[in-house]
Amino acid sequence: RDSIFNSITLGLSAALVTMFAGVIVSYVIVKMIVRGKGFLEFLGMLPFSVPGSVIALGVILAWSGKFGINLYNTVWVILVAYIARYMAFSLKSNSAALEQVHDSLVEASRASGATPWQSLRDVVIPLIRPGMIAAFFLIFLPALRELTTSVLLYGPTTRTIGVAIYTLNEDGETVYACALAAVALVLIVGGEILIKRFFEKKQVDNGGA
């Protein structure tokens, strides 16, 4: 039960944080003319090309008190690793959605007196909401079964589903490991069904409009 709760909580938290952070970073990359935005995109995509074990080691080195903050052996260190690892999913999904929003819409809102934040909140986000939801599930579902990063970062009370399945199997408890894997499979398939129904409904609404 603790592993299921931890995985769902970490998956939801990482998906929400990464989704909104990805919107802000993608907006800077796609819609704003600023120096260094190419480097910002590179930093966001870099963790996706790095093995999970390397990310875990980097998080351990960075968040074990070296900079005055010690998150090691807590659930927060796993959350930081998840955010770093899955940021690329959010950037790509939100960037693709933002590219479909014409610049004239943002310019019209700015000409009407809206601030950049108001333009983002009232004009851009409602239009890219499907991309944001897609990014959410693209992060949440892999986070449910994540192992390579979590297995190096978990503590006595922060096991995830992937870690629990791995440790049960290593201890010879194959039946329990299979049962927990079945639970994880049900959660992932349920998430996939929600995504499919959401986009089918969106297509019907758009077709009716």
Protein backbone atom coordinates (compact mmCIF):
# COMPACT_ATOMS: atom_id res chain seq x y z
CA ARG A 1 0.00 0.00 0.00
CA ASP A 2 2.79 2.44 0.81
CA SER A 3 4.46 1.88 -2.57
CA ILE A 4 1.19 2.44 -4.45
CA PHE A 5 0.49 5.62 -2.45
CA ASN A 6 4.04 6.90 -2.97
CA SER A 7 3.99 6.23 -6.71
CA ILE A 8 0.62 7.89 -7.26
CA THR A 9 1.57 10.89 -5.11
CA LEU A 10 4.97 11.30 -6.77
CA GLY A 11 3.52 10.80 -10.23
CA LEU A 12 0.78 13.39 -9.72
CA SER A 13 3.15 15.90 -8.10
CA ALA A 14 5.84 15.49 -10.77
CA ALA A 15 3.27 15.69 -13.57
CA LEU A 16 1.67 18.87 -12.20
CA VAL A 17 4.94 20.67 -11.46
CA THR A 18 6.55 19.64 -14.74
CA MET A 19 3.44 20.46 -16.77
CA PHE A 20 3.22 24.05 -15.52
CA ALA A 21 6.99 24.58 -15.54
CA GLY A 22 7.06 23.22 -19.09
CA VAL A 23 4.40 25.74 -20.15
CA ILE A 24 6.45 28.66 -18.85
CA VAL A 25 9.73 27.42 -20.35
CA SER A 26 8.05 26.52 -23.67
CA TYR A 27 6.44 29.97 -23.82
CA VAL A 28 9.85 31.58 -23.43
CA ILE A 29 11.35 29.30 -26.09
CA VAL A 30 8.56 29.56 -28.68
CA LYS A 31 6.97 32.98 -28.18
CA MET A 32 9.61 35.26 -26.71
CA ILE A 33 12.73 36.77 -28.24
CA VAL A 34 15.35 36.40 -25.53
CA ARG A 35 19.00 35.50 -25.50
CA GLY A 36 19.95 32.01 -24.44
CA LYS A 37 16.57 30.36 -25.03
CA GLY A 38 18.26 27.71 -27.16
CA PHE A 39 20.49 26.84 -24.21
CA LEU A 40 17.42 26.77 -21.97
CA GLU A 41 15.79 24.23 -24.29
CA PHE A 42 19.02 22.20 -24.32
CA LEU A 43 19.05 22.08 -20.51
CA GLY A 44 15.42 20.96 -20.46
CA MET A 45 16.03 18.16 -22.97
CA LEU A 46 19.40 17.00 -21.61
CA PRO A 47 18.13 14.79 -18.73
CA PHE A 48 16.04 12.73 -21.18
CA SER A 49 19.21 11.61 -22.96
CA VAL A 50 20.94 10.63 -19.70
CA PRO A 51 20.37 7.22 -18.06
CA GLY A 52 18.16 7.25 -14.97
CA SER A 53 20.98 5.95 -12.79
CA VAL A 54 23.14 8.93 -13.78
CA ILE A 55 20.32 11.35 -12.91
CA ALA A 56 19.93 9.62 -9.54
CA LEU A 57 23.64 9.95 -8.79
CA GLY A 58 23.58 13.61 -9.79
CA VAL A 59 20.59 14.28 -7.55
CA ILE A 60 22.32 12.52 -4.64
CA LEU A 61 25.43 14.63 -5.08
CA ALA A 62 23.50 17.89 -5.48
CA TRP A 63 20.87 17.43 -2.77
CA SER A 64 22.74 15.74 0.05
CA GLY A 65 23.69 18.90 1.89
CA LYS A 66 26.40 20.15 -0.45
CA PHE A 67 24.49 23.38 -1.11
CA GLY A 68 22.92 23.65 2.33
CA ILE A 69 19.82 21.57 1.54
CA ASN A 70 19.67 17.89 2.42
CA LEU A 71 16.82 15.99 0.77
CA TYR A 72 18.49 12.59 0.73
CA ASN A 73 16.41 9.70 2.07
CA THR A 74 13.19 11.71 1.70
CA VAL A 75 10.41 11.59 -0.85
CA TRP A 76 11.44 15.05 -2.10
CA VAL A 77 14.68 13.82 -3.63
CA ILE A 78 12.71 11.36 -5.78
CA LEU A 79 10.35 14.17 -6.83
CA VAL A 80 13.29 16.34 -7.91
CA ALA A 81 14.68 13.45 -9.97
CA TYR A 82 11.31 12.83 -11.63
CA ILE A 83 10.93 16.51 -12.54
CA ALA A 84 14.38 16.58 -14.10
CA ARG A 85 13.90 13.33 -15.96
CA TYR A 86 10.47 14.06 -17.45
CA MET A 87 10.80 17.78 -18.20
CA ALA A 88 11.55 16.94 -21.86
CA PHE A 89 8.07 15.40 -22.26
CA SER A 90 6.42 18.59 -21.07
CA LEU A 91 8.62 20.83 -23.20
CA LYS A 92 7.93 18.94 -26.42
CA SER A 93 4.19 18.60 -25.85
CA ASN A 94 3.68 22.22 -24.82
CA SER A 95 6.02 23.58 -27.50
CA ALA A 96 4.05 21.75 -30.19
CA ALA A 97 0.80 23.20 -28.81
CA LEU A 98 2.24 26.72 -28.55
CA GLU A 99 3.40 26.66 -32.15
CA GLN A 100 -0.25 26.31 -33.18
CA VAL A 101 -1.17 29.56 -31.40
CA HIS A 102 -0.70 32.47 -33.79
CA ASP A 103 1.36 35.37 -32.52
CA SER A 104 -1.38 37.83 -33.51
CA LEU A 105 -3.56 36.57 -30.67
CA VAL A 106 -0.92 37.42 -28.09
CA GLU A 107 -0.18 40.73 -29.82
CA ALA A 108 -3.88 41.65 -29.76
CA SER A 109 -4.10 40.96 -26.04
CA ARG A 110 -0.98 43.02 -25.38
CA ALA A 111 -2.35 45.86 -27.52
CA SER A 112 -5.50 45.78 -25.40
CA GLY A 113 -3.44 46.42 -22.29
CA ALA A 114 -2.83 42.90 -21.02
CA THR A 115 0.45 42.08 -19.32
CA PRO A 116 2.54 39.11 -20.53
CA TRP A 117 1.22 37.06 -17.60
CA GLN A 118 -2.40 37.99 -18.40
CA SER A 119 -1.87 37.09 -22.06
CA LEU A 120 -0.48 33.72 -21.05
CA ARG A 121 -3.26 33.05 -18.53
CA ASP A 122 -6.27 34.30 -20.50
CA VAL A 123 -5.32 33.65 -24.12
CA VAL A 124 -2.56 31.08 -24.46
CA ILE A 125 -3.30 28.53 -21.73
CA PRO A 126 -6.96 27.97 -22.75
CA LEU A 127 -5.79 27.25 -26.30
CA ILE A 128 -2.99 24.86 -25.34
CA ARG A 129 -4.92 23.02 -22.62
CA PRO A 130 -5.05 19.74 -24.64
CA GLY A 131 -1.27 19.81 -24.97
CA MET A 132 -0.91 20.43 -21.25
CA ILE A 133 -3.17 17.48 -20.42
CA ALA A 134 -1.22 15.29 -22.84
CA ALA A 135 2.01 16.35 -21.13
CA PHE A 136 0.48 15.54 -17.73
CA PHE A 137 -0.31 11.96 -18.69
CA LEU A 138 2.97 11.52 -20.60
CA ILE A 139 4.71 12.18 -17.27
CA PHE A 140 2.27 10.59 -14.83
CA LEU A 141 2.07 7.17 -16.50
CA PRO A 142 5.84 6.53 -16.86
CA ALA A 143 6.35 7.79 -13.31
CA LEU A 144 4.06 5.05 -12.00
CA ARG A 145 6.40 2.32 -13.22
CA GLU A 146 9.75 4.15 -12.92
CA LEU A 147 12.55 2.02 -11.44
CA THR A 148 16.08 2.96 -12.49
CA THR A 149 16.06 6.33 -10.73
CA SER A 150 13.89 5.38 -7.75
CA VAL A 151 15.90 2.28 -6.85
CA LEU A 152 18.92 4.45 -6.03
CA LEU A 153 16.97 7.12 -4.15
CA TYR A 154 14.29 5.38 -2.10
CA GLY A 155 14.34 5.15 1.68
CA PRO A 156 12.59 2.90 4.20
CA THR A 157 9.28 4.74 3.79
CA THR A 158 9.59 6.01 0.21
CA ARG A 159 9.40 2.85 -1.88
CA THR A 160 7.63 3.18 -5.22
CA ILE A 161 5.73 0.50 -7.14
CA GLY A 162 8.72 -0.24 -9.35
CA VAL A 163 11.05 -0.60 -6.37
CA ALA A 164 8.55 -2.77 -4.47
CA ILE A 165 8.11 -5.12 -7.43
CA TYR A 166 11.87 -5.36 -7.86
CA THR A 167 12.59 -6.05 -4.18
CA LEU A 168 9.76 -8.59 -3.87
CA ASN A 169 11.05 -10.47 -6.89
CA GLU A 170 14.62 -10.38 -5.56
CA ASP A 171 13.39 -11.79 -2.24
CA GLY A 172 11.76 -14.71 -4.02
CA GLU A 173 8.21 -13.42 -3.50
CA THR A 174 7.29 -13.84 -7.16
CA VAL A 175 3.55 -14.17 -6.54
CA TYR A 176 3.39 -10.90 -4.59
CA ALA A 177 5.55 -9.20 -7.21
CA CYS A 178 3.19 -10.33 -9.97
CA ALA A 179 0.17 -9.16 -7.97
CA LEU A 180 1.68 -5.70 -7.48
CA ALA A 181 2.67 -5.58 -11.15
CA ALA A 182 -0.96 -6.32 -12.02
CA VAL A 183 -2.06 -3.36 -9.86
CA ALA A 184 0.44 -1.11 -11.65
CA LEU A 185 -0.83 -2.39 -15.00
CA VAL A 186 -4.43 -1.57 -14.06
CA LEU A 187 -3.42 1.98 -13.07
CA ILE A 188 -1.50 2.53 -16.31
CA VAL A 189 -4.24 1.07 -18.54
CA GLY A 190 -6.82 3.17 -16.69
CA GLY A 191 -4.74 6.27 -17.42
CA GLU A 192 -4.47 5.33 -21.09
CA ILE A 193 -8.25 4.93 -21.31
CA LEU A 194 -8.74 8.37 -19.75
CA ILE A 195 -6.39 9.92 -22.32
CA LYS A 196 -8.18 8.20 -25.20
CA ARG A 197 -11.62 9.25 -24.02
CA PHE A 198 -10.51 12.82 -23.41
CA PHE A 199 -9.10 13.26 -26.92
CA GLU A 200 -12.05 11.48 -28.52
CA LYS A 201 -14.39 13.89 -26.70
CA LYS A 202 -12.20 16.81 -27.77
CA GLN A 203 -12.39 15.71 -31.40
CA VAL A 204 -16.19 15.37 -31.19
CA ASP A 205 -16.50 18.83 -29.62
CA ASN A 206 -14.26 20.36 -32.26
CA GLY A 207 -16.19 18.60 -35.01
CA GLY A 208 -19.50 19.87 -33.59
CA ALA A 209 -18.14 23.37 -33.36
